[in-house]
Amino acid sequence: MGKQMTEMLKGTLEGIVLALLAGKPAYGYEITTLLRAKGFSEIAEGTVYALLIRIEQKGLVDVEKRPSEKGPPRKVYSLNAQGGKELEEFWRTWRFLSERLEQLR
């Protein structure tokens, strides 16, 4: 992945993860797997876990510990009302930027 792609992803990854969580609750590794299935193949697991800590601290997700068949309980993240509002703002901003970028093409 090129430097430009990396930089652009830094600014959008939070919204992408919130969008995934709007579909269904998920734990960290599951989110990484979903991202890779959607074509974000080079995103490191550590990047996702750091992002999950940030969105938890910002109050955008609810976290529930669920038993795991392998090892310690998993933290399952689900989008809460504040996260839903943040996601709506992300999509508004995305539409605005993508429309302007298309005009420049």
C-alpha atoms as a PDB file:
ATOM      1  CA  MET A   1       0.000   0.000   0.000  1.00  0.00           C
ATOM      2  CA  GLY A   2       1.384   3.374  -0.981  1.00  0.00           C
ATOM      3  CA  LYS A   3       2.036   6.280   1.371  1.00  0.00           C
ATOM      4  CA  GLN A   4      -0.888   8.267  -0.047  1.00  0.00           C
ATOM      5  CA  MET A   5      -3.300   5.368   0.555  1.00  0.00           C
ATOM      6  CA  THR A   6      -1.980   4.938   4.090  1.00  0.00           C
ATOM      7  CA  GLU A   7      -2.516   8.622   4.847  1.00  0.00           C
ATOM      8  CA  MET A   8      -6.037   8.621   3.402  1.00  0.00           C
ATOM      9  CA  LEU A   9      -6.959   5.508   5.384  1.00  0.00           C
ATOM     10  CA  LYS A  10      -5.789   7.148   8.619  1.00  0.00           C
ATOM     11  CA  GLY A  11      -8.486   9.765   8.163  1.00  0.00           C
ATOM     12  CA  THR A  12     -11.275   7.367   7.255  1.00  0.00           C
ATOM     13  CA  LEU A  13     -10.625   4.130   9.141  1.00  0.00           C
ATOM     14  CA  GLU A  14     -12.647   5.199  12.184  1.00  0.00           C
ATOM     15  CA  GLY A  15     -15.711   5.782  10.007  1.00  0.00           C
ATOM     16  CA  ILE A  16     -15.143   2.502   8.185  1.00  0.00           C
ATOM     17  CA  VAL A  17     -15.026   0.558  11.466  1.00  0.00           C
ATOM     18  CA  LEU A  18     -18.122   2.362  12.765  1.00  0.00           C
ATOM     19  CA  ALA A  19     -19.907   1.405   9.534  1.00  0.00           C
ATOM     20  CA  LEU A  20     -18.949  -2.246  10.052  1.00  0.00           C
ATOM     21  CA  LEU A  21     -20.211  -2.127  13.635  1.00  0.00           C
ATOM     22  CA  ALA A  22     -23.497  -0.596  12.465  1.00  0.00           C
ATOM     23  CA  GLY A  23     -24.091  -3.917  10.712  1.00  0.00           C
ATOM     24  CA  LYS A  24     -23.422  -6.090  13.753  1.00  0.00           C
ATOM     25  CA  PRO A  25     -21.366  -6.208  16.939  1.00  0.00           C
ATOM     26  CA  ALA A  26     -17.893  -7.710  16.528  1.00  0.00           C
ATOM     27  CA  TYR A  27     -14.656  -8.349  18.387  1.00  0.00           C
ATOM     28  CA  GLY A  28     -11.235  -7.045  17.345  1.00  0.00           C
ATOM     29  CA  TYR A  29      -9.958  -9.926  15.235  1.00  0.00           C
ATOM     30  CA  GLU A  30     -13.377 -10.284  13.605  1.00  0.00           C
ATOM     31  CA  ILE A  31     -13.282  -6.588  12.620  1.00  0.00           C
ATOM     32  CA  THR A  32      -9.830  -7.082  11.079  1.00  0.00           C
ATOM     33  CA  THR A  33     -11.153 -10.084   9.147  1.00  0.00           C
ATOM     34  CA  LEU A  34     -14.172  -8.085   7.917  1.00  0.00           C
ATOM     35  CA  LEU A  35     -11.912  -5.242   6.783  1.00  0.00           C
ATOM     36  CA  ARG A  36      -9.698  -7.651   4.862  1.00  0.00           C
ATOM     37  CA  ALA A  37     -12.754  -9.270   3.256  1.00  0.00           C
ATOM     38  CA  LYS A  38     -13.843  -5.784   2.102  1.00  0.00           C
ATOM     39  CA  GLY A  39     -10.490  -5.245   0.374  1.00  0.00           C
ATOM     40  CA  PHE A  40      -8.514  -3.510   3.137  1.00  0.00           C
ATOM     41  CA  SER A  41      -6.007  -6.358   3.098  1.00  0.00           C
ATOM     42  CA  GLU A  42      -2.961  -4.532   4.403  1.00  0.00           C
ATOM     43  CA  ILE A  43      -4.427  -3.054   7.575  1.00  0.00           C
ATOM     44  CA  ALA A  44      -2.453  -4.345  10.549  1.00  0.00           C
ATOM     45  CA  GLU A  45      -4.273  -5.887  13.492  1.00  0.00           C
ATOM     46  CA  GLY A  46      -2.466  -3.485  15.821  1.00  0.00           C
ATOM     47  CA  THR A  47      -3.929  -0.535  13.927  1.00  0.00           C
ATOM     48  CA  VAL A  48      -7.445  -1.892  14.436  1.00  0.00           C
ATOM     49  CA  TYR A  49      -6.911  -2.528  18.158  1.00  0.00           C
ATOM     50  CA  ALA A  50      -5.527   0.989  18.694  1.00  0.00           C
ATOM     51  CA  LEU A  51      -8.552   2.407  16.868  1.00  0.00           C
ATOM     52  CA  LEU A  52     -10.950   0.321  18.996  1.00  0.00           C
ATOM     53  CA  ILE A  53      -9.378   1.726  22.166  1.00  0.00           C
ATOM     54  CA  ARG A  54      -9.840   5.282  20.813  1.00  0.00           C
ATOM     55  CA  ILE A  55     -13.485   4.830  19.828  1.00  0.00           C
ATOM     56  CA  GLU A  56     -14.197   3.177  23.173  1.00  0.00           C
ATOM     57  CA  GLN A  57     -12.596   6.120  25.014  1.00  0.00           C
ATOM     58  CA  LYS A  58     -14.623   8.550  22.876  1.00  0.00           C
ATOM     59  CA  GLY A  59     -17.818   6.766  23.929  1.00  0.00           C
ATOM     60  CA  LEU A  60     -18.800   5.718  20.389  1.00  0.00           C
ATOM     61  CA  VAL A  61     -19.206   2.018  21.172  1.00  0.00           C
ATOM     62  CA  ASP A  62     -20.466  -0.198  23.944  1.00  0.00           C
ATOM     63  CA  VAL A  63     -18.194  -3.033  24.999  1.00  0.00           C
ATOM     64  CA  GLU A  64     -19.275  -6.391  26.354  1.00  0.00           C
ATOM     65  CA  LYS A  65     -16.925  -9.136  27.473  1.00  0.00           C
ATOM     66  CA  ARG A  66     -18.027 -12.522  26.170  1.00  0.00           C
ATOM     67  CA  PRO A  67     -16.504 -15.906  26.934  1.00  0.00           C
ATOM     68  CA  SER A  68     -14.142 -17.298  24.326  1.00  0.00           C
ATOM     69  CA  GLU A  69     -13.590 -20.937  23.481  1.00  0.00           C
ATOM     70  CA  LYS A  70      -9.881 -20.142  23.259  1.00  0.00           C
ATOM     71  CA  GLY A  71      -8.370 -18.116  26.067  1.00  0.00           C
ATOM     72  CA  PRO A  72      -9.624 -15.010  27.864  1.00  0.00           C
ATOM     73  CA  PRO A  73     -13.012 -13.364  27.236  1.00  0.00           C
ATOM     74  CA  ARG A  74     -13.369 -11.326  24.057  1.00  0.00           C
ATOM     75  CA  LYS A  75     -14.337  -7.675  24.020  1.00  0.00           C
ATOM     76  CA  VAL A  76     -17.288  -7.355  21.658  1.00  0.00           C
ATOM     77  CA  TYR A  77     -17.891  -3.846  20.320  1.00  0.00           C
ATOM     78  CA  SER A  78     -21.300  -2.538  19.293  1.00  0.00           C
ATOM     79  CA  LEU A  79     -22.236   0.852  17.930  1.00  0.00           C
ATOM     80  CA  ASN A  80     -24.165   2.979  20.428  1.00  0.00           C
ATOM     81  CA  ALA A  81     -26.302   6.091  19.844  1.00  0.00           C
ATOM     82  CA  GLN A  82     -23.337   8.473  20.029  1.00  0.00           C
ATOM     83  CA  GLY A  83     -21.408   6.265  17.600  1.00  0.00           C
ATOM     84  CA  GLY A  84     -24.418   6.287  15.274  1.00  0.00           C
ATOM     85  CA  LYS A  85     -24.393  10.085  15.247  1.00  0.00           C
ATOM     86  CA  GLU A  86     -20.655  10.073  14.565  1.00  0.00           C
ATOM     87  CA  LEU A  87     -21.204   7.645  11.687  1.00  0.00           C
ATOM     88  CA  GLU A  88     -23.921   9.875  10.199  1.00  0.00           C
ATOM     89  CA  GLU A  89     -21.499  12.813  10.353  1.00  0.00           C
ATOM     90  CA  PHE A  90     -18.790  10.669   8.729  1.00  0.00           C
ATOM     91  CA  TRP A  91     -21.117   9.853   5.803  1.00  0.00           C
ATOM     92  CA  ARG A  92     -22.155  13.532   5.417  1.00  0.00           C
ATOM     93  CA  THR A  93     -18.511  14.561   5.322  1.00  0.00           C
ATOM     94  CA  TRP A  94     -17.662  11.727   2.937  1.00  0.00           C
ATOM     95  CA  ARG A  95     -20.443  12.773   0.526  1.00  0.00           C
ATOM     96  CA  PHE A  96     -19.307  16.391   0.634  1.00  0.00           C
ATOM     97  CA  LEU A  97     -15.665  15.504  -0.072  1.00  0.00           C
ATOM     98  CA  SER A  98     -16.368  12.896  -2.727  1.00  0.00           C
ATOM     99  CA  GLU A  99     -18.684  15.292  -4.600  1.00  0.00           C
ATOM    100  CA  ARG A 100     -16.012  18.007  -4.570  1.00  0.00           C
ATOM    101  CA  LEU A 101     -13.302  15.581  -5.656  1.00  0.00           C
ATOM    102  CA  GLU A 102     -15.459  14.358  -8.552  1.00  0.00           C
ATOM    103  CA  GLN A 103     -15.910  17.976  -9.656  1.00  0.00           C
ATOM    104  CA  LEU A 104     -12.124  18.352  -9.772  1.00  0.00           C
ATOM    105  CA  ARG A 105     -11.596  15.271 -11.946  1.00  0.00           C
END
